Amino acid sequence: MYFRIKRLSARIGIDGAIAFTIATRVIQALGGVISIIFITKFLTGVEQGYYYTFASIIAVQIFFELGLCGIITQYVAHECAYLNWDDDYVISGDKYNLSRLSSLLHFCVKWFGIISIILFFVLIVTGLKFFSFYGKESASINWQLPWISLCLTTSLNLFIDPILAFFEGLGFVKDIAKLRLVQKCAFLSLVFIFYILDFKLYSAALASLFSILVNLLQILLSKRIKILKLIWKSGDQWKVDYIKEIFPYQWKIAISWISGYFIFQLFNPVLFATAGAIAAGQMGMTLAALNGVLSVSISWITTKIPLFSSLVAKKDYTQLDEKFNLILKQACVMCAICLAIFILFVLITKGYNFPVANRFLPLLPLALMSISTFVSQLIFGLAVYLRCHKQEPLVIQSVVTGILTTISTLVFGKVFGVNGLTIGYTSIMIFVSLTWCVYIFNKKKQEWHQS
């Protein structure tokens, strides 16, 4: 039986890194389902609206992270293509690449240390102003302290995530996947306990804080801290020049990520402001489930970013294309299966009039958002392939998609409600974003691999 499972796993592309990442995402998805039950039981419909709108506003951290975590993984992987691990703690190879690797770590720690502090204060001010203005009809909701707590945990997480991205670039994808799995289990266990103890909107913030401490302990009390110290002291003769090397690439990634906020995160604040907290809560819960599906399926791709980057550095384009094509197919199949299961789940809950059914969007907008999720899976895969070349040719496409989505959300969302909002969004994703992305992918792939 074990060997059959092992053969099946190999056939569909599940290695150790993917297995742990999928386990994390599956637990996250199952936790999301259980969270839906807990939110339904322990939060009112209005509090649910606050809960998911919190998440949408917290996502403005995109404006501070600006895609740099993914860039760090790629740049570290490019340097590590010429380095070797002699054992668990010793890295050897070209001194030039080792010095540049150390430079990347110094930059990572200093940059995100400053940015995370700035993010904390920006989030507090933004949230207090937004909810004070648009939440007047629900003044009895205790949201101020939960919001401040969530701002703190978000800022701490912004500082830790780049360190984990650095480790992934070193090739410790499986190791970091284990770490994230432990963190996610700790978070979900704690958030359910806090719900039961009637902490309401405090639950997610407190659970996040404790799970971040779990992450820190996993780094400080293991070989990981020794690896960081070794690289930190590995010389500074050759440095990565942020202005000349990273910034010309990052600003394009940053614009794409900022556009992503308007593409994926604007729905809840707009619905909160125009249709009320309950409608925002329905959209938020639906998106939480769909994002859970997407997080599982993209595991096939995200765990292979260091491999793709290394193959690009070596200009082994034949092997790169073979592996990418297979992995993209596997990811898309998994995404389609998970979406079908989710839609079936909602249909059953609505058919039997379970209370949780009313917390999701109606069937038409739900189906449209599911289609958009599958399209997002395709676009994500193609974007990763292109970005592993240290290039970002999707910046204009992302900006145009973001602008069109913003206009569609504001106009159709206000005039036609959630149906108009989702019809407009899905149309843009299929006929503009995906079509344009496929064209750029084919053009740049041919151009780069022939040069």
Protein backbone atom coordinates (compact mmCIF):
# COMPACT_ATOMS: atom_id res chain seq x y z
CA MET A 1 0.00 0.00 0.00
CA TYR A 2 2.83 2.36 0.93
CA PHE A 3 4.61 1.79 -2.38
CA ARG A 4 1.37 2.35 -4.33
CA ILE A 5 0.87 5.68 -2.60
CA LYS A 6 4.51 6.56 -3.24
CA ARG A 7 4.21 5.71 -6.95
CA LEU A 8 0.97 7.67 -7.25
CA SER A 9 2.57 10.66 -5.51
CA ALA A 10 5.54 10.58 -7.88
CA ARG A 11 3.20 10.32 -10.86
CA ILE A 12 1.27 13.46 -9.94
CA GLY A 13 4.43 15.32 -8.96
CA ILE A 14 4.27 15.28 -5.15
CA ASP A 15 7.77 15.34 -3.63
CA GLY A 16 8.73 16.07 -0.01
CA ALA A 17 8.55 19.84 -0.37
CA ILE A 18 5.18 19.72 -2.11
CA ALA A 19 3.87 17.16 0.40
CA PHE A 20 4.58 19.38 3.40
CA THR A 21 3.36 22.47 1.58
CA ILE A 22 0.17 20.71 0.54
CA ALA A 23 -0.29 19.43 4.10
CA THR A 24 -0.02 23.03 5.28
CA ARG A 25 -2.47 24.25 2.64
CA VAL A 26 -4.87 21.35 3.24
CA ILE A 27 -4.83 22.04 6.97
CA GLN A 28 -5.34 25.69 6.14
CA ALA A 29 -8.25 24.82 3.86
CA LEU A 30 -9.80 22.44 6.40
CA GLY A 31 -9.17 25.05 9.04
CA GLY A 32 -10.94 27.53 6.79
CA VAL A 33 -13.97 25.23 6.60
CA ILE A 34 -13.98 24.77 10.37
CA SER A 35 -13.43 28.52 10.78
CA ILE A 36 -16.56 29.09 8.74
CA ILE A 37 -18.48 26.99 11.26
CA PHE A 38 -16.90 28.79 14.21
CA ILE A 39 -17.45 32.22 12.67
CA THR A 40 -21.08 31.31 11.99
CA LYS A 41 -21.52 30.18 15.60
CA PHE A 42 -19.50 32.77 17.52
CA LEU A 43 -19.68 35.90 15.33
CA THR A 44 -22.75 37.77 14.15
CA GLY A 45 -23.21 38.57 10.47
CA VAL A 46 -21.99 42.12 11.14
CA GLU A 47 -18.91 40.91 13.02
CA GLN A 48 -18.19 38.55 10.12
CA GLY A 49 -18.17 41.59 7.83
CA TYR A 50 -15.61 43.27 10.08
CA TYR A 51 -13.54 40.08 10.23
CA TYR A 52 -13.13 39.75 6.45
CA THR A 53 -12.82 43.47 5.83
CA PHE A 54 -9.98 43.47 8.37
CA ALA A 55 -8.23 40.94 6.14
CA SER A 56 -8.74 43.02 3.00
CA ILE A 57 -7.34 46.18 4.57
CA ILE A 58 -4.45 44.27 6.15
CA ALA A 59 -3.56 43.22 2.61
CA VAL A 60 -2.26 46.75 1.98
CA GLN A 61 1.00 45.27 3.27
CA ILE A 62 1.46 44.48 -0.43
CA PHE A 63 2.36 48.16 -0.83
CA PHE A 64 5.23 47.63 1.62
CA GLU A 65 6.41 44.12 0.76
CA LEU A 66 6.24 44.97 -2.97
CA GLY A 67 7.00 41.44 -4.12
CA LEU A 68 10.45 41.49 -2.52
CA CYS A 69 10.07 38.14 -0.73
CA GLY A 70 9.70 36.31 -4.04
CA ILE A 71 12.59 38.30 -5.48
CA ILE A 72 14.79 37.33 -2.53
CA THR A 73 14.07 33.64 -3.13
CA GLN A 74 14.97 33.98 -6.82
CA TYR A 75 18.16 36.00 -6.28
CA VAL A 76 19.36 33.69 -3.50
CA ALA A 77 18.68 30.66 -5.73
CA HIS A 78 20.70 32.23 -8.57
CA GLU A 79 23.71 32.70 -6.26
CA CYS A 80 23.32 29.22 -4.75
CA ALA A 81 23.49 27.66 -8.22
CA TYR A 82 27.29 28.05 -7.85
CA LEU A 83 27.55 27.04 -4.17
CA ASN A 84 27.44 23.72 -2.33
CA TRP A 85 26.53 22.56 1.16
CA ASP A 86 29.37 20.44 2.62
CA ASP A 87 27.23 19.50 5.60
CA ASP A 88 24.35 20.98 7.57
CA TYR A 89 26.26 24.11 8.51
CA VAL A 90 29.04 24.70 5.97
CA ILE A 91 28.53 26.24 2.55
CA SER A 92 31.36 26.35 0.02
CA GLY A 93 32.00 27.50 -3.51
CA ASP A 94 32.91 30.67 -5.32
CA LYS A 95 33.75 33.44 -2.82
CA TYR A 96 32.13 35.96 -5.15
CA ASN A 97 28.73 34.25 -4.96
CA LEU A 98 29.08 33.59 -1.22
CA SER A 99 29.83 37.26 -0.54
CA ARG A 100 26.83 38.34 -2.64
CA LEU A 101 24.67 35.87 -0.72
CA SER A 102 25.76 37.47 2.55
CA SER A 103 24.97 40.88 1.08
CA LEU A 104 21.44 39.74 0.27
CA LEU A 105 20.89 38.62 3.86
CA HIS A 106 22.12 41.95 5.27
CA PHE A 107 19.85 43.84 2.90
CA CYS A 108 16.87 41.64 3.73
CA VAL A 109 17.15 42.11 7.52
CA LYS A 110 17.78 45.87 7.44
CA TRP A 111 15.15 46.70 4.81
CA PHE A 112 12.28 44.73 6.31
CA GLY A 113 13.16 45.79 9.84
CA ILE A 114 12.41 49.39 8.87
CA ILE A 115 9.46 48.64 6.59
CA SER A 116 7.64 46.51 9.17
CA ILE A 117 7.69 49.39 11.70
CA ILE A 118 6.31 51.84 9.13
CA LEU A 119 3.60 49.33 8.14
CA PHE A 120 2.42 49.04 11.75
CA PHE A 121 1.60 52.73 12.07
CA VAL A 122 0.11 53.06 8.57
CA LEU A 123 -2.26 50.14 9.19
CA ILE A 124 -3.44 51.51 12.50
CA VAL A 125 -4.26 54.95 11.09
CA THR A 126 -5.89 53.57 7.91
CA GLY A 127 -8.09 51.09 9.76
CA LEU A 128 -9.19 53.49 12.46
CA LYS A 129 -10.26 56.08 9.90
CA PHE A 130 -12.05 53.58 7.60
CA PHE A 131 -14.05 51.73 10.25
CA SER A 132 -14.85 54.88 12.21
CA PHE A 133 -16.39 56.43 9.08
CA TYR A 134 -18.15 53.45 7.47
CA GLY A 135 -18.95 51.53 10.65
CA LYS A 136 -21.20 54.14 12.27
CA GLU A 137 -24.29 51.90 11.97
CA SER A 138 -22.54 49.16 13.95
CA ALA A 139 -21.00 51.33 16.66
CA SER A 140 -21.63 48.64 19.30
CA ILE A 141 -18.99 46.35 17.73
CA ASN A 142 -15.74 46.22 19.72
CA TRP A 143 -13.25 46.38 16.84
CA GLN A 144 -10.61 48.94 17.88
CA LEU A 145 -8.29 46.82 20.04
CA PRO A 146 -8.64 43.71 17.84
CA TRP A 147 -7.62 45.88 14.89
CA ILE A 148 -4.51 47.23 16.67
CA SER A 149 -3.54 43.69 17.71
CA LEU A 150 -3.89 42.48 14.13
CA CYS A 151 -1.74 45.38 12.89
CA LEU A 152 1.03 44.32 15.28
CA THR A 153 1.01 40.68 14.19
CA THR A 154 0.92 41.65 10.51
CA SER A 155 4.00 43.86 10.94
CA LEU A 156 5.90 41.12 12.79
CA ASN A 157 5.02 38.66 10.06
CA LEU A 158 6.32 41.05 7.41
CA PHE A 159 9.72 40.94 9.11
CA ILE A 160 9.86 37.13 9.42
CA ASP A 161 8.55 36.13 5.97
CA PRO A 162 11.63 37.41 4.04
CA ILE A 163 13.87 35.27 6.28
CA LEU A 164 11.83 32.21 5.35
CA ALA A 165 12.01 33.24 1.68
CA PHE A 166 15.79 33.46 2.04
CA PHE A 167 15.92 29.88 3.34
CA GLU A 168 13.77 28.70 0.44
CA GLY A 169 16.23 30.29 -1.97
CA LEU A 170 19.02 28.35 -0.25
CA GLY A 171 17.18 25.18 -1.21
CA PHE A 172 15.57 24.39 2.15
CA VAL A 173 12.10 24.35 0.62
CA LYS A 174 11.07 21.14 2.37
CA ASP A 175 12.48 22.37 5.70
CA ILE A 176 10.58 25.66 5.53
CA ALA A 177 7.45 23.83 4.44
CA LYS A 178 7.68 21.83 7.70
CA LEU A 179 8.11 25.04 9.66
CA ARG A 180 5.07 26.62 8.03
CA LEU A 181 3.07 23.46 8.73
CA VAL A 182 3.85 23.67 12.46
CA GLN A 183 2.97 27.36 12.47
CA LYS A 184 -0.33 26.81 10.69
CA CYS A 185 -1.32 24.00 13.07
CA ALA A 186 -0.52 26.22 16.05
CA PHE A 187 -2.51 29.11 14.59
CA LEU A 188 -5.63 27.07 13.82
CA SER A 189 -5.60 25.32 17.19
CA LEU A 190 -5.30 28.62 19.03
CA VAL A 191 -7.87 30.50 16.95
CA PHE A 192 -10.50 27.81 17.64
CA ILE A 193 -9.69 27.90 21.36
CA PHE A 194 -10.04 31.67 21.42
CA TYR A 195 -13.39 31.46 19.59
CA ILE A 196 -14.67 28.97 22.16
CA LEU A 197 -13.49 31.30 24.93
CA ASP A 198 -15.58 34.04 23.26
CA PHE A 199 -12.68 36.30 22.27
CA LYS A 200 -14.61 37.15 19.06
CA LEU A 201 -12.61 39.56 16.84
CA TYR A 202 -9.57 39.18 19.09
CA SER A 203 -9.28 35.49 18.20
CA ALA A 204 -7.41 35.72 14.88
CA ALA A 205 -5.04 38.46 16.09
CA LEU A 206 -4.02 36.63 19.27
CA ALA A 207 -3.64 33.32 17.45
CA SER A 208 -1.45 35.03 14.83
CA LEU A 209 0.76 36.53 17.52
CA PHE A 210 1.37 33.19 19.24
CA SER A 211 1.98 31.38 15.93
CA ILE A 212 4.58 34.00 14.97
CA LEU A 213 6.34 33.28 18.27
CA VAL A 214 6.30 29.59 17.30
CA ASN A 215 8.04 30.53 14.04
CA LEU A 216 10.68 32.53 15.87
CA LEU A 217 11.39 29.66 18.25
CA GLN A 218 11.71 27.24 15.32
CA ILE A 219 14.38 29.52 13.81
CA LEU A 220 16.25 30.40 17.01
CA LEU A 221 16.32 26.90 18.52
CA SER A 222 17.51 25.02 15.43
CA LYS A 223 20.35 24.83 12.91
CA ARG A 224 18.64 27.60 10.94
CA ILE A 225 20.08 30.34 13.13
CA LYS A 226 23.57 28.84 12.70
CA ILE A 227 23.15 28.93 8.93
CA LEU A 228 22.10 32.58 9.06
CA LYS A 229 25.08 33.49 11.25
CA LEU A 230 27.46 31.69 8.88
CA ILE A 231 26.12 33.50 5.82
CA TRP A 232 25.95 36.83 7.68
CA LYS A 233 29.72 36.63 8.37
CA SER A 234 30.70 35.34 4.92
CA GLY A 235 32.38 38.53 3.75
CA ASP A 236 31.36 41.79 2.16
CA GLN A 237 33.88 42.13 -0.65
CA TRP A 238 31.23 41.73 -3.33
CA LYS A 239 27.75 43.08 -2.74
CA VAL A 240 24.45 42.95 -4.55
CA ASP A 241 23.75 46.51 -5.67
CA TYR A 242 20.07 47.09 -4.86
CA ILE A 243 19.74 50.17 -7.09
CA LYS A 244 21.42 48.63 -10.13
CA GLU A 245 20.41 44.96 -9.83
CA ILE A 246 17.24 44.53 -7.79
CA PHE A 247 15.35 47.80 -8.17
CA PRO A 248 15.08 47.71 -12.01
CA TYR A 249 13.35 44.36 -11.60
CA GLN A 250 11.51 45.04 -8.35
CA TRP A 251 9.69 48.19 -9.37
CA LYS A 252 7.93 46.21 -12.09
CA ILE A 253 7.09 43.42 -9.65
CA ALA A 254 5.95 46.06 -7.15
CA ILE A 255 3.54 47.62 -9.63
CA SER A 256 2.19 44.15 -10.48
CA TRP A 257 1.68 43.40 -6.77
CA ILE A 258 0.02 46.74 -6.11
CA SER A 259 -2.26 46.07 -9.06
CA GLY A 260 -2.97 42.70 -7.47
CA TYR A 261 -4.45 44.43 -4.44
CA PHE A 262 -7.02 46.18 -6.63
CA ILE A 263 -7.63 42.94 -8.54
CA PHE A 264 -8.16 40.67 -5.52
CA GLN A 265 -8.70 42.71 -2.35
CA LEU A 266 -11.02 45.60 -3.23
CA PHE A 267 -14.27 43.63 -3.13
CA ASN A 268 -14.76 43.54 0.64
CA PRO A 269 -14.11 47.23 1.43
CA VAL A 270 -16.37 48.30 -1.46
CA LEU A 271 -19.19 45.98 -0.39
CA PHE A 272 -18.70 47.00 3.26
CA ALA A 273 -19.09 50.66 2.28
CA THR A 274 -21.94 50.23 -0.24
CA ALA A 275 -23.91 47.10 0.68
CA GLY A 276 -23.10 46.70 4.36
CA ALA A 277 -21.11 44.38 6.59
CA ILE A 278 -23.22 41.27 5.89
CA ALA A 279 -22.64 41.37 2.11
CA ALA A 280 -18.95 41.99 2.74
CA GLY A 281 -18.92 38.99 5.05
CA GLN A 282 -20.45 36.72 2.38
CA MET A 283 -17.84 37.82 -0.14
CA GLY A 284 -15.09 37.43 2.43
CA MET A 285 -16.07 33.90 3.39
CA THR A 286 -16.38 32.85 -0.25
CA LEU A 287 -12.99 34.33 -1.09
CA ALA A 288 -11.45 32.66 1.96
CA ALA A 289 -12.60 29.26 0.70
CA LEU A 290 -11.48 29.96 -2.89
CA ASN A 291 -8.12 31.27 -1.73
CA GLY A 292 -7.74 28.05 0.24
CA VAL A 293 -8.28 26.08 -2.96
CA LEU A 294 -5.80 28.27 -4.82
CA SER A 295 -3.20 28.00 -2.07
CA VAL A 296 -3.27 24.20 -2.38
CA SER A 297 -2.99 24.05 -6.17
CA ILE A 298 -0.21 26.65 -6.49
CA SER A 299 1.92 24.57 -4.09
CA TRP A 300 3.03 22.57 -7.12
CA ILE A 301 4.50 25.76 -8.56
CA THR A 302 5.74 27.77 -5.55
CA THR A 303 7.86 24.88 -4.24
CA LYS A 304 9.66 24.72 -7.58
CA ILE A 305 10.67 28.40 -7.81
CA PRO A 306 14.25 27.71 -6.60
CA LEU A 307 14.54 24.85 -9.13
CA PHE A 308 13.21 26.98 -12.00
CA SER A 309 15.54 29.85 -11.05
CA SER A 310 18.53 27.53 -10.89
CA LEU A 311 17.76 26.05 -14.33
CA VAL A 312 17.43 29.56 -15.75
CA ALA A 313 20.80 30.52 -14.25
CA LYS A 314 22.35 27.46 -15.95
CA LYS A 315 20.41 28.16 -19.18
CA ASP A 316 19.06 24.61 -19.18
CA TYR A 317 15.86 25.66 -20.95
CA THR A 318 14.94 22.20 -22.21
CA GLN A 319 14.72 20.73 -18.71
CA LEU A 320 13.07 23.94 -17.48
CA ASP A 321 10.23 23.66 -20.01
CA GLU A 322 9.74 19.94 -19.44
CA LYS A 323 9.40 20.34 -15.69
CA PHE A 324 7.29 23.50 -15.87
CA ASN A 325 4.78 22.11 -18.39
CA LEU A 326 4.25 18.98 -16.29
CA ILE A 327 3.92 20.89 -13.02
CA LEU A 328 1.52 23.46 -14.47
CA LYS A 329 -0.78 20.69 -15.76
CA GLN A 330 -0.74 18.98 -12.36
CA ALA A 331 -1.55 22.26 -10.59
CA CYS A 332 -4.45 23.05 -12.92
CA VAL A 333 -5.98 19.58 -12.52
CA MET A 334 -5.75 19.85 -8.75
CA CYS A 335 -7.31 23.33 -8.81
CA ALA A 336 -10.25 22.12 -10.94
CA ILE A 337 -10.90 19.14 -8.65
CA CYS A 338 -10.82 21.28 -5.49
CA LEU A 339 -13.13 23.90 -7.01
CA ALA A 340 -15.63 21.21 -7.99
CA ILE A 341 -15.60 19.84 -4.44
CA PHE A 342 -16.13 23.32 -2.99
CA ILE A 343 -19.08 24.12 -5.27
CA LEU A 344 -20.63 20.73 -4.45
CA PHE A 345 -20.22 21.48 -0.74
CA VAL A 346 -22.03 24.81 -1.08
CA LEU A 347 -24.81 23.24 -3.15
CA ILE A 348 -25.39 20.60 -0.46
CA THR A 349 -25.45 23.14 2.38
CA LYS A 350 -27.91 25.33 0.46
CA GLY A 351 -30.03 22.33 -0.55
CA TYR A 352 -30.42 21.25 3.06
CA ASN A 353 -30.72 24.84 4.35
CA PHE A 354 -27.78 24.57 6.71
CA PRO A 355 -27.15 27.90 8.53
CA VAL A 356 -23.65 28.14 7.05
CA ALA A 357 -25.11 28.33 3.52
CA ASN A 358 -26.26 31.91 4.03
CA ARG A 359 -22.73 32.98 4.87
CA PHE A 360 -21.56 32.31 1.28
CA LEU A 361 -22.38 34.24 -1.88
CA PRO A 362 -25.42 33.16 -3.95
CA LEU A 363 -24.73 30.51 -6.58
CA LEU A 364 -24.21 32.74 -9.64
CA PRO A 365 -21.55 35.03 -8.15
CA LEU A 366 -20.01 32.04 -6.39
CA ALA A 367 -19.65 30.15 -9.70
CA LEU A 368 -18.18 33.22 -11.38
CA MET A 369 -15.61 33.70 -8.61
CA SER A 370 -14.70 30.00 -8.89
CA ILE A 371 -14.01 30.42 -12.61
CA SER A 372 -11.86 33.45 -11.84
CA THR A 373 -9.92 31.39 -9.30
CA PHE A 374 -9.03 28.80 -11.95
CA VAL A 375 -7.96 31.58 -14.31
CA SER A 376 -5.79 33.02 -11.52
CA GLN A 377 -4.09 29.63 -11.18
CA LEU A 378 -3.09 29.69 -14.85
CA ILE A 379 -1.87 33.28 -14.72
CA PHE A 380 0.11 32.63 -11.54
CA GLY A 381 1.94 29.69 -13.12
CA LEU A 382 2.89 31.62 -16.25
CA ALA A 383 3.99 34.62 -14.18
CA VAL A 384 6.28 32.50 -12.00
CA TYR A 385 7.97 31.04 -15.08
CA LEU A 386 8.67 34.50 -16.47
CA ARG A 387 9.83 35.98 -13.16
CA CYS A 388 12.34 33.19 -12.57
CA HIS A 389 14.26 34.81 -15.44
CA LYS A 390 14.67 37.93 -13.24
CA GLN A 391 12.27 39.72 -15.57
CA GLU A 392 8.79 41.17 -15.11
CA PRO A 393 7.10 41.62 -18.50
CA LEU A 394 3.60 41.56 -16.99
CA VAL A 395 3.72 45.00 -15.41
CA ILE A 396 1.53 46.76 -18.00
CA GLN A 397 -0.87 43.83 -18.11
CA SER A 398 -1.18 43.91 -14.30
CA VAL A 399 -1.75 47.66 -14.20
CA VAL A 400 -4.43 47.57 -16.90
CA THR A 401 -6.14 44.62 -15.21
CA GLY A 402 -6.01 46.44 -11.87
CA ILE A 403 -7.47 49.63 -13.32
CA LEU A 404 -10.26 47.81 -15.15
CA THR A 405 -11.08 45.72 -12.06
CA THR A 406 -11.17 48.81 -9.85
CA ILE A 407 -13.53 50.62 -12.23
CA SER A 408 -15.70 47.53 -12.62
CA THR A 409 -15.86 46.93 -8.87
CA LEU A 410 -16.71 50.53 -8.00
CA VAL A 411 -19.25 51.04 -10.80
CA PHE A 412 -20.93 47.64 -11.21
CA GLY A 413 -20.66 46.86 -7.50
CA LYS A 414 -22.48 50.07 -6.59
CA VAL A 415 -25.11 49.91 -9.38
CA PHE A 416 -25.77 46.16 -9.76
CA GLY A 417 -24.50 44.78 -6.48
CA VAL A 418 -22.56 41.56 -6.07
CA ASN A 419 -23.82 40.04 -9.37
CA GLY A 420 -22.56 42.97 -11.40
CA LEU A 421 -19.30 43.03 -9.49
CA THR A 422 -18.53 39.33 -10.13
CA ILE A 423 -19.64 39.36 -13.79
CA GLY A 424 -17.39 42.32 -14.50
CA TYR A 425 -14.45 40.80 -12.62
CA THR A 426 -14.67 37.38 -14.30
CA SER A 427 -14.96 38.92 -17.76
CA ILE A 428 -11.85 41.02 -17.17
CA MET A 429 -9.87 38.04 -15.84
CA ILE A 430 -10.69 35.84 -18.85
CA PHE A 431 -10.75 38.23 -21.80
CA VAL A 432 -8.09 40.71 -20.69
CA SER A 433 -5.77 39.31 -18.05
CA LEU A 434 -5.44 35.66 -19.16
CA THR A 435 -5.44 36.34 -22.91
CA TRP A 436 -2.80 39.04 -22.57
CA CYS A 437 -0.69 36.92 -20.20
CA VAL A 438 -0.60 33.94 -22.59
CA TYR A 439 0.48 36.23 -25.44
CA ILE A 440 3.32 37.73 -23.37
CA PHE A 441 4.40 34.31 -22.10
CA ASN A 442 4.79 32.85 -25.59
CA LYS A 443 6.51 35.95 -26.94
CA LYS A 444 9.04 36.36 -24.10
CA LYS A 445 9.79 32.66 -23.85
CA GLN A 446 10.78 32.55 -27.51
CA GLU A 447 12.74 35.82 -27.25
CA TRP A 448 14.74 34.96 -24.12
CA HIS A 449 15.60 31.39 -25.03
CA GLN A 450 16.92 32.28 -28.46
CA SER A 451 19.21 35.07 -27.22
